């Protein structure tokens, strides 16, 4: 009987030890479950944040892609405008070069006409002086009223025609 009591006590101690271990394991399991649930909640929150950031980044990417497309369209529009303006510039440059050439030709012609006028005026002055020197005996030939410069050109040319006409008769 003593063996049975000792065996019972040993088994009770063992049972008590097993119960303590079981309680410790239950407590450990509860702590682990709490930690796992806490970690799962953290991961779930982090996942929600990452999901929100992904959605926001996706929207930003979509907006950036739309902006890129608008910018590409603007660049293409500007490129076409530059091509048009370049074409117009070259056209205007060619027209300007042509106009400059025409104006230079016109200036050269006017310079030539001016030099002819100066030659005619010089010749007319010589003829008038010669007529004045020779006209002491013929006073009607030099009876010229005073004239303005703008009016004198016409008179000089008329006088020059008369002188040529008289020279041709002689």
Protein backbone atom coordinates (compact mmCIF):
# COMPACT_ATOMS: atom_id res chain seq x y z
CA UNK A 1 0.00 0.00 0.00
CA UNK A 2 2.84 2.36 0.72
CA UNK A 3 4.02 1.81 -2.81
CA UNK A 4 0.63 2.69 -4.13
CA UNK A 5 0.48 5.87 -2.02
CA UNK A 6 3.95 6.83 -3.15
CA UNK A 7 3.04 6.06 -6.67
CA UNK A 8 -0.11 8.15 -6.28
CA UNK A 9 1.85 11.05 -4.81
CA UNK A 10 4.43 10.78 -7.54
CA UNK A 11 1.69 10.71 -10.13
CA UNK A 12 -0.06 13.66 -8.45
CA UNK A 13 3.24 15.60 -8.48
CA UNK A 14 3.72 14.63 -12.07
CA UNK A 15 0.11 15.62 -12.80
CA UNK A 16 0.65 18.93 -11.02
CA UNK A 17 3.89 19.45 -12.94
CA UNK A 18 2.12 18.61 -16.19
CA UNK A 19 -0.71 20.98 -15.30
CA UNK A 20 1.80 23.77 -14.53
CA UNK A 21 3.55 23.07 -17.83
CA UNK A 22 0.18 23.01 -19.57
CA UNK A 23 -0.78 26.34 -17.96
CA UNK A 24 2.58 27.79 -18.92
CA UNK A 25 2.11 26.54 -22.48
CA UNK A 26 -1.44 27.97 -22.54
CA UNK A 27 -0.13 31.31 -21.29
CA UNK A 28 2.67 31.14 -23.86
CA UNK A 29 0.11 30.27 -26.52
CA UNK A 30 -2.06 33.23 -25.49
CA UNK A 31 0.96 35.55 -25.53
CA UNK A 32 1.99 34.20 -28.93
CA UNK A 33 -1.56 34.51 -30.23
CA UNK A 34 -1.74 38.12 -28.93
CA UNK A 35 1.63 38.89 -30.48
CA UNK A 36 0.56 37.24 -33.74
CA UNK A 37 -2.72 39.12 -33.74
CA UNK A 38 -0.88 42.37 -32.96
CA UNK A 39 1.66 41.64 -35.72
CA UNK A 40 -1.18 40.71 -38.10
CA UNK A 41 -2.92 44.01 -37.24
CA UNK A 42 0.35 45.90 -37.83
CA UNK A 43 0.90 44.11 -41.12
CA UNK A 44 -2.71 44.72 -42.09
CA UNK A 45 -2.31 48.44 -41.32
CA UNK A 46 0.98 48.53 -43.19
CA UNK A 47 -0.70 46.74 -46.09
CA UNK A 48 -3.50 49.31 -46.09
CA UNK A 49 -0.95 52.13 -46.05
CA UNK A 50 1.03 50.49 -48.86
CA UNK A 51 -2.18 49.91 -50.79
CA UNK A 52 -3.14 53.58 -50.33
CA UNK A 53 0.35 54.67 -51.39
CA UNK A 54 0.12 52.36 -54.40
CA UNK A 55 -3.24 53.85 -55.38
CA UNK A 56 -1.90 57.37 -54.88
CA UNK A 57 1.24 56.55 -56.86
CA UNK A 58 -0.89 54.98 -59.56
CA UNK A 59 -3.00 58.14 -59.74
CA UNK A 60 0.16 60.26 -59.80
CA UNK A 61 1.54 58.08 -62.57
CA UNK A 62 -1.69 58.43 -64.55
CA UNK A 63 -1.63 62.20 -64.06
CA UNK A 64 2.06 62.32 -65.03
CA UNK A 65 1.40 60.25 -68.14
CA UNK A 66 -1.45 62.59 -69.09
CA UNK A 67 0.84 65.57 -68.51
CA UNK A 68 3.53 63.93 -70.65
CA UNK A 69 1.01 63.39 -73.44
CA UNK A 70 -0.15 67.00 -73.20
CA UNK A 71 3.46 68.15 -73.21
CA UNK A 72 4.22 65.98 -76.25
CA UNK A 73 1.22 67.49 -78.03
CA UNK A 74 2.39 70.98 -77.05
CA UNK A 75 5.93 70.20 -78.24
CA UNK A 76 4.57 68.92 -81.57
CA UNK A 77 2.39 72.03 -81.92
CA UNK A 78 5.38 74.24 -81.15
CA UNK A 79 7.55 72.25 -83.59
CA UNK A 80 4.99 72.82 -86.36
CA UNK A 81 4.75 76.50 -85.43
CA UNK A 82 8.55 76.77 -85.55
CA UNK A 83 8.60 75.10 -88.96
CA UNK A 84 5.92 77.52 -90.20
CA UNK A 85 7.73 80.53 -88.73
CA UNK A 86 11.04 79.33 -90.16
CA UNK A 87 9.43 78.98 -93.57
CA UNK A 88 7.89 82.45 -93.25
CA UNK A 89 11.24 83.83 -92.08
CA UNK A 90 13.05 82.39 -95.09
CA UNK A 91 10.32 83.69 -97.39
CA UNK A 92 10.56 87.14 -95.82
CA UNK A 93 14.35 86.98 -95.95
CA UNK A 94 14.25 86.15 -99.67
CA UNK A 95 11.68 88.90 -100.26
CA UNK A 96 13.81 91.30 -98.23
CA UNK A 97 16.93 90.37 -100.21
CA UNK A 98 15.01 90.91 -103.45
CA UNK A 99 13.69 94.26 -102.24
CA UNK A 100 17.18 95.32 -101.15
CA UNK A 101 18.56 94.37 -104.57
CA UNK A 102 15.75 96.32 -106.27
CA UNK A 103 16.35 99.33 -104.02
CA UNK A 104 20.07 99.21 -104.68
CA UNK A 105 19.39 99.08 -108.41
CA UNK A 106 16.96 101.98 -108.03
CA UNK A 107 19.54 103.94 -106.01
CA UNK A 108 22.18 103.21 -108.64
CA UNK A 109 19.78 104.43 -111.35
CA UNK A 110 18.97 107.56 -109.33
CA UNK A 111 22.69 108.16 -108.71
CA UNK A 112 23.23 107.84 -112.46
CA UNK A 113 20.36 110.25 -113.14
CA UNK A 114 21.74 112.64 -110.53
CA UNK A 115 25.18 112.54 -112.10
CA UNK A 116 23.55 113.20 -115.49
CA UNK A 117 21.64 116.10 -113.92
CA UNK A 118 24.87 117.50 -112.45
CA UNK A 119 26.55 117.15 -115.83
CA UNK A 120 23.58 118.85 -117.52
CA UNK A 121 23.58 121.59 -114.86
CA UNK A 122 27.32 122.08 -115.27
CA UNK A 123 26.94 122.17 -119.03
CA UNK A 124 24.00 124.57 -118.73
CA UNK A 125 26.04 126.81 -116.41
CA UNK A 126 28.85 126.82 -118.97
CA UNK A 127 26.40 127.59 -121.76
CA UNK A 128 24.78 130.38 -119.73
CA UNK A 129 28.19 131.86 -118.93
CA UNK A 130 29.20 131.59 -122.56
CA UNK A 131 25.92 133.15 -123.61
CA UNK A 132 26.37 135.86 -121.00
CA UNK A 133 29.84 136.63 -122.26
CA UNK A 134 28.74 136.51 -125.89
CA UNK A 135 25.39 138.08 -125.19
CA UNK A 136 26.55 141.55 -124.40
CA UNK A 137 25.50 142.38 -127.91
CA UNK A 138 22.31 140.20 -127.70
CA UNK A 139 20.57 141.17 -124.41
CA UNK A 140 17.37 139.21 -125.13
CA UNK A 141 19.19 135.88 -124.91
CA UNK A 142 20.07 136.34 -121.21
CA UNK A 143 16.96 138.06 -119.96
CA UNK A 144 16.23 135.51 -117.21
CA UNK A 145 14.05 136.28 -114.20
CA UNK A 146 15.25 135.08 -110.77
CA UNK A 147 14.00 131.53 -109.99
CA UNK A 148 13.84 129.09 -107.10
CA UNK A 149 16.03 126.00 -107.24
CA UNK A 150 13.06 123.70 -107.84
CA UNK A 151 11.92 125.89 -110.73
CA UNK A 152 15.40 126.53 -112.12
CA UNK A 153 15.92 122.92 -113.19
CA UNK A 154 13.08 123.08 -115.67
CA UNK A 155 14.27 126.45 -116.94
CA UNK A 156 17.85 125.19 -117.28
CA UNK A 157 16.67 122.21 -119.29
CA UNK A 158 14.56 124.49 -121.53
CA UNK A 159 17.53 126.81 -122.02
CA UNK A 160 19.75 123.84 -122.79
CA UNK A 161 17.28 122.67 -125.46
CA UNK A 162 17.25 126.15 -127.00
CA UNK A 163 21.06 126.25 -127.03
CA UNK A 164 21.25 122.82 -128.66
CA UNK A 165 18.66 123.89 -131.20
CA UNK A 166 20.67 127.01 -132.05
CA UNK A 167 23.88 124.94 -132.21
CA UNK A 168 22.24 122.50 -134.60
CA UNK A 169 21.10 125.37 -136.87
CA UNK A 170 24.59 126.82 -136.97
